[in-house]
Amino acid sequence: MAGYYVNKDAGEICDLGVVSMRVLVEDQAGGAFALAEFRGDEGPWTIPHVHQRTSESFFVLDGTFDFECDGDAVTAGRGDYYLVPVGSPHMITARRGGGTLLAIMAPAGLHEMFKALSRLPGDSLRDPVVRREISSRYDSVPV
């Protein structure tokens, strides 16, 4: 079986208002995980939420981020990594200047929520009413 390659100009781009997502891996890993690049402005990128079946891993490519997870707060910068375990309430805020994250969602599927949100009016990612409706179809529940 051949490997899978994505060049720097490829991948589906989803505009979520405050942040954009570039999907790098979806079905190519057999559903084991999805890989995406998130790039955006400073400020909160999400509202507090939890995943009951999905873990998320974040590698900071650029900028500085505040990760709040299950009552703990960590500031991470370029080259740092942060894991959000299954079942842990969390949110992400980009500091001054915004930044870029590489995100692994395991198993795959959660990235489909971002695709759905990108088809809605801008900044729906942070709208609790919209998030509740969309999250009823995906593993992402506002808390």
C-alpha atoms as a PDB file:
ATOM      1  CA  MET A   1       0.000   0.000   0.000  1.00  0.00           C
ATOM      2  CA  ALA A   2       1.350   3.426  -0.940  1.00  0.00           C
ATOM      3  CA  GLY A   3       1.774   6.221   1.582  1.00  0.00           C
ATOM      4  CA  TYR A   4      -0.399   9.322   1.710  1.00  0.00           C
ATOM      5  CA  TYR A   5       0.993  12.782   0.934  1.00  0.00           C
ATOM      6  CA  VAL A   6      -0.543  16.237   1.324  1.00  0.00           C
ATOM      7  CA  ASN A   7       1.385  19.215  -0.022  1.00  0.00           C
ATOM      8  CA  LYS A   8       1.301  22.651   1.591  1.00  0.00           C
ATOM      9  CA  ASP A   9      -1.379  23.920  -0.793  1.00  0.00           C
ATOM     10  CA  ALA A  10      -3.752  20.948  -0.506  1.00  0.00           C
ATOM     11  CA  GLY A  11      -6.497  20.013   1.931  1.00  0.00           C
ATOM     12  CA  GLU A  12     -10.084  21.167   2.317  1.00  0.00           C
ATOM     13  CA  ILE A  13     -10.297  24.626   3.936  1.00  0.00           C
ATOM     14  CA  CYS A  14     -13.204  25.339   6.291  1.00  0.00           C
ATOM     15  CA  ASP A  15     -13.743  28.976   7.352  1.00  0.00           C
ATOM     16  CA  LEU A  16     -15.127  29.076  10.889  1.00  0.00           C
ATOM     17  CA  GLY A  17     -14.996  32.836  11.444  1.00  0.00           C
ATOM     18  CA  VAL A  18     -12.398  33.287  14.170  1.00  0.00           C
ATOM     19  CA  VAL A  19     -10.386  30.331  12.846  1.00  0.00           C
ATOM     20  CA  SER A  20      -9.971  28.294   9.677  1.00  0.00           C
ATOM     21  CA  MET A  21      -9.379  24.555   9.483  1.00  0.00           C
ATOM     22  CA  ARG A  22      -7.410  22.782   6.759  1.00  0.00           C
ATOM     23  CA  VAL A  23      -8.216  19.064   6.718  1.00  0.00           C
ATOM     24  CA  LEU A  24      -5.091  16.983   6.065  1.00  0.00           C
ATOM     25  CA  VAL A  25      -6.205  13.424   6.919  1.00  0.00           C
ATOM     26  CA  GLU A  26      -9.775  12.080   7.153  1.00  0.00           C
ATOM     27  CA  ASP A  27     -10.560   8.598   5.844  1.00  0.00           C
ATOM     28  CA  GLN A  28      -6.997   7.842   4.731  1.00  0.00           C
ATOM     29  CA  ALA A  29      -6.122   6.426   8.169  1.00  0.00           C
ATOM     30  CA  GLY A  30      -9.092   4.063   8.235  1.00  0.00           C
ATOM     31  CA  GLY A  31     -10.962   6.186  10.780  1.00  0.00           C
ATOM     32  CA  ALA A  32      -8.232   5.901  13.421  1.00  0.00           C
ATOM     33  CA  PHE A  33      -7.707   9.661  13.473  1.00  0.00           C
ATOM     34  CA  ALA A  34      -8.218  12.927  11.611  1.00  0.00           C
ATOM     35  CA  LEU A  35      -5.452  15.502  11.235  1.00  0.00           C
ATOM     36  CA  ALA A  36      -6.129  19.190  10.682  1.00  0.00           C
ATOM     37  CA  GLU A  37      -4.349  22.515  10.798  1.00  0.00           C
ATOM     38  CA  PHE A  38      -6.183  25.322  12.606  1.00  0.00           C
ATOM     39  CA  ARG A  39      -5.132  28.927  11.952  1.00  0.00           C
ATOM     40  CA  GLY A  40      -6.771  31.990  13.426  1.00  0.00           C
ATOM     41  CA  ASP A  41      -6.896  35.300  15.227  1.00  0.00           C
ATOM     42  CA  GLU A  42      -6.406  36.051  18.892  1.00  0.00           C
ATOM     43  CA  GLY A  43      -9.235  35.391  21.300  1.00  0.00           C
ATOM     44  CA  PRO A  44     -11.331  32.363  22.258  1.00  0.00           C
ATOM     45  CA  TRP A  45     -11.491  29.774  19.498  1.00  0.00           C
ATOM     46  CA  THR A  46     -14.172  27.686  21.190  1.00  0.00           C
ATOM     47  CA  ILE A  47     -16.699  27.727  23.961  1.00  0.00           C
ATOM     48  CA  PRO A  48     -16.199  25.257  26.844  1.00  0.00           C
ATOM     49  CA  HIS A  49     -17.136  21.784  25.586  1.00  0.00           C
ATOM     50  CA  VAL A  50     -16.477  18.073  26.092  1.00  0.00           C
ATOM     51  CA  HIS A  51     -16.029  14.997  23.878  1.00  0.00           C
ATOM     52  CA  GLN A  52     -17.197  11.625  25.225  1.00  0.00           C
ATOM     53  CA  ARG A  53     -15.564   9.472  22.528  1.00  0.00           C
ATOM     54  CA  THR A  54     -12.799  11.631  21.051  1.00  0.00           C
ATOM     55  CA  SER A  55      -9.412  12.743  22.332  1.00  0.00           C
ATOM     56  CA  GLU A  56      -7.763  15.810  20.846  1.00  0.00           C
ATOM     57  CA  SER A  57      -4.037  16.483  20.623  1.00  0.00           C
ATOM     58  CA  PHE A  58      -2.636  19.892  19.735  1.00  0.00           C
ATOM     59  CA  PHE A  59       0.856  20.789  18.560  1.00  0.00           C
ATOM     60  CA  VAL A  60       1.541  24.533  18.473  1.00  0.00           C
ATOM     61  CA  LEU A  61       3.081  25.521  15.139  1.00  0.00           C
ATOM     62  CA  ASP A  62       2.949  29.281  15.739  1.00  0.00           C
ATOM     63  CA  GLY A  63       1.706  31.678  18.413  1.00  0.00           C
ATOM     64  CA  THR A  64       0.752  31.213  22.055  1.00  0.00           C
ATOM     65  CA  PHE A  65      -2.385  29.495  23.334  1.00  0.00           C
ATOM     66  CA  ASP A  66      -4.182  29.085  26.642  1.00  0.00           C
ATOM     67  CA  PHE A  67      -5.612  25.601  27.083  1.00  0.00           C
ATOM     68  CA  GLU A  68      -8.189  25.156  29.838  1.00  0.00           C
ATOM     69  CA  CYS A  69      -8.942  21.523  30.577  1.00  0.00           C
ATOM     70  CA  ASP A  70     -10.921  20.047  33.459  1.00  0.00           C
ATOM     71  CA  GLY A  71     -10.145  22.997  35.748  1.00  0.00           C
ATOM     72  CA  ASP A  72      -6.445  23.198  34.826  1.00  0.00           C
ATOM     73  CA  ALA A  73      -4.899  25.990  32.735  1.00  0.00           C
ATOM     74  CA  VAL A  74      -1.728  25.765  30.631  1.00  0.00           C
ATOM     75  CA  THR A  75      -0.086  28.292  28.324  1.00  0.00           C
ATOM     76  CA  ALA A  76       1.608  26.658  25.333  1.00  0.00           C
ATOM     77  CA  GLY A  77       3.856  28.180  22.678  1.00  0.00           C
ATOM     78  CA  ARG A  78       5.584  27.156  19.475  1.00  0.00           C
ATOM     79  CA  GLY A  79       6.789  23.555  19.650  1.00  0.00           C
ATOM     80  CA  ASP A  80       4.610  22.670  22.659  1.00  0.00           C
ATOM     81  CA  TYR A  81       2.072  19.829  22.699  1.00  0.00           C
ATOM     82  CA  TYR A  82      -1.194  19.487  24.630  1.00  0.00           C
ATOM     83  CA  LEU A  83      -3.506  16.452  24.967  1.00  0.00           C
ATOM     84  CA  VAL A  84      -7.183  16.757  25.870  1.00  0.00           C
ATOM     85  CA  PRO A  85      -8.301  13.327  27.146  1.00  0.00           C
ATOM     86  CA  VAL A  86     -11.726  11.876  26.369  1.00  0.00           C
ATOM     87  CA  GLY A  87     -14.384  13.255  28.727  1.00  0.00           C
ATOM     88  CA  SER A  88     -12.444  16.380  29.772  1.00  0.00           C
ATOM     89  CA  PRO A  89     -14.226  19.743  29.500  1.00  0.00           C
ATOM     90  CA  HIS A  90     -11.950  22.194  27.681  1.00  0.00           C
ATOM     91  CA  MET A  91     -11.533  25.347  25.615  1.00  0.00           C
ATOM     92  CA  ILE A  92      -8.751  27.031  23.641  1.00  0.00           C
ATOM     93  CA  THR A  93      -7.838  30.714  23.453  1.00  0.00           C
ATOM     94  CA  ALA A  94      -5.203  32.192  21.155  1.00  0.00           C
ATOM     95  CA  ARG A  95      -3.150  34.990  22.647  1.00  0.00           C
ATOM     96  CA  ARG A  96      -2.073  38.230  20.980  1.00  0.00           C
ATOM     97  CA  GLY A  97      -1.415  37.815  17.276  1.00  0.00           C
ATOM     98  CA  GLY A  98      -3.317  34.525  16.947  1.00  0.00           C
ATOM     99  CA  GLY A  99      -1.589  31.358  15.841  1.00  0.00           C
ATOM    100  CA  THR A 100      -1.597  27.958  14.216  1.00  0.00           C
ATOM    101  CA  LEU A 101      -2.218  24.509  15.715  1.00  0.00           C
ATOM    102  CA  LEU A 102      -1.875  21.025  14.299  1.00  0.00           C
ATOM    103  CA  ALA A 103      -4.715  18.923  15.733  1.00  0.00           C
ATOM    104  CA  ILE A 104      -5.149  15.158  15.899  1.00  0.00           C
ATOM    105  CA  MET A 105      -8.683  13.970  16.654  1.00  0.00           C
ATOM    106  CA  ALA A 106      -8.895  10.285  17.540  1.00  0.00           C
ATOM    107  CA  PRO A 107     -10.901   8.519  16.351  1.00  0.00           C
ATOM    108  CA  ALA A 108     -11.789  10.462  13.187  1.00  0.00           C
ATOM    109  CA  GLY A 109     -15.212  12.069  12.879  1.00  0.00           C
ATOM    110  CA  LEU A 110     -15.090  15.274  14.916  1.00  0.00           C
ATOM    111  CA  HIS A 111     -13.622  17.149  11.936  1.00  0.00           C
ATOM    112  CA  GLU A 112     -17.002  16.678  10.228  1.00  0.00           C
ATOM    113  CA  MET A 113     -18.533  19.027  12.818  1.00  0.00           C
ATOM    114  CA  PHE A 114     -16.166  21.803  11.727  1.00  0.00           C
ATOM    115  CA  LYS A 115     -17.129  21.205   8.107  1.00  0.00           C
ATOM    116  CA  ALA A 116     -20.807  21.551   9.074  1.00  0.00           C
ATOM    117  CA  LEU A 117     -20.106  24.733  11.056  1.00  0.00           C
ATOM    118  CA  SER A 118     -18.223  26.245   8.114  1.00  0.00           C
ATOM    119  CA  ARG A 119     -21.425  26.093   6.066  1.00  0.00           C
ATOM    120  CA  LEU A 120     -23.207  28.323   8.635  1.00  0.00           C
ATOM    121  CA  PRO A 121     -22.901  32.099   9.243  1.00  0.00           C
ATOM    122  CA  GLY A 122     -19.484  33.323  10.403  1.00  0.00           C
ATOM    123  CA  ASP A 123     -18.315  32.653  13.965  1.00  0.00           C
ATOM    124  CA  SER A 124     -20.909  29.920  14.581  1.00  0.00           C
ATOM    125  CA  LEU A 125     -18.109  27.962  16.293  1.00  0.00           C
ATOM    126  CA  ARG A 126     -18.488  30.153  19.395  1.00  0.00           C
ATOM    127  CA  ASP A 127     -22.302  30.440  19.359  1.00  0.00           C
ATOM    128  CA  PRO A 128     -23.647  28.181  22.156  1.00  0.00           C
ATOM    129  CA  VAL A 129     -27.095  27.780  20.538  1.00  0.00           C
ATOM    130  CA  VAL A 130     -25.635  26.753  17.187  1.00  0.00           C
ATOM    131  CA  ARG A 131     -23.037  24.529  18.863  1.00  0.00           C
ATOM    132  CA  ARG A 132     -25.736  22.651  20.801  1.00  0.00           C
ATOM    133  CA  GLU A 133     -27.691  21.964  17.622  1.00  0.00           C
ATOM    134  CA  ILE A 134     -24.636  20.863  15.623  1.00  0.00           C
ATOM    135  CA  SER A 135     -23.127  18.911  18.509  1.00  0.00           C
ATOM    136  CA  SER A 136     -26.256  16.770  18.695  1.00  0.00           C
ATOM    137  CA  ARG A 137     -24.846  15.125  15.553  1.00  0.00           C
ATOM    138  CA  TYR A 138     -21.198  14.984  16.640  1.00  0.00           C
ATOM    139  CA  ASP A 139     -19.138  14.221  19.734  1.00  0.00           C
ATOM    140  CA  SER A 140     -18.857  17.817  20.978  1.00  0.00           C
ATOM    141  CA  VAL A 141     -21.154  18.984  23.764  1.00  0.00           C
ATOM    142  CA  PRO A 142     -21.034  22.545  25.177  1.00  0.00           C
ATOM    143  CA  VAL A 143     -20.712  22.657  28.977  1.00  0.00           C
END
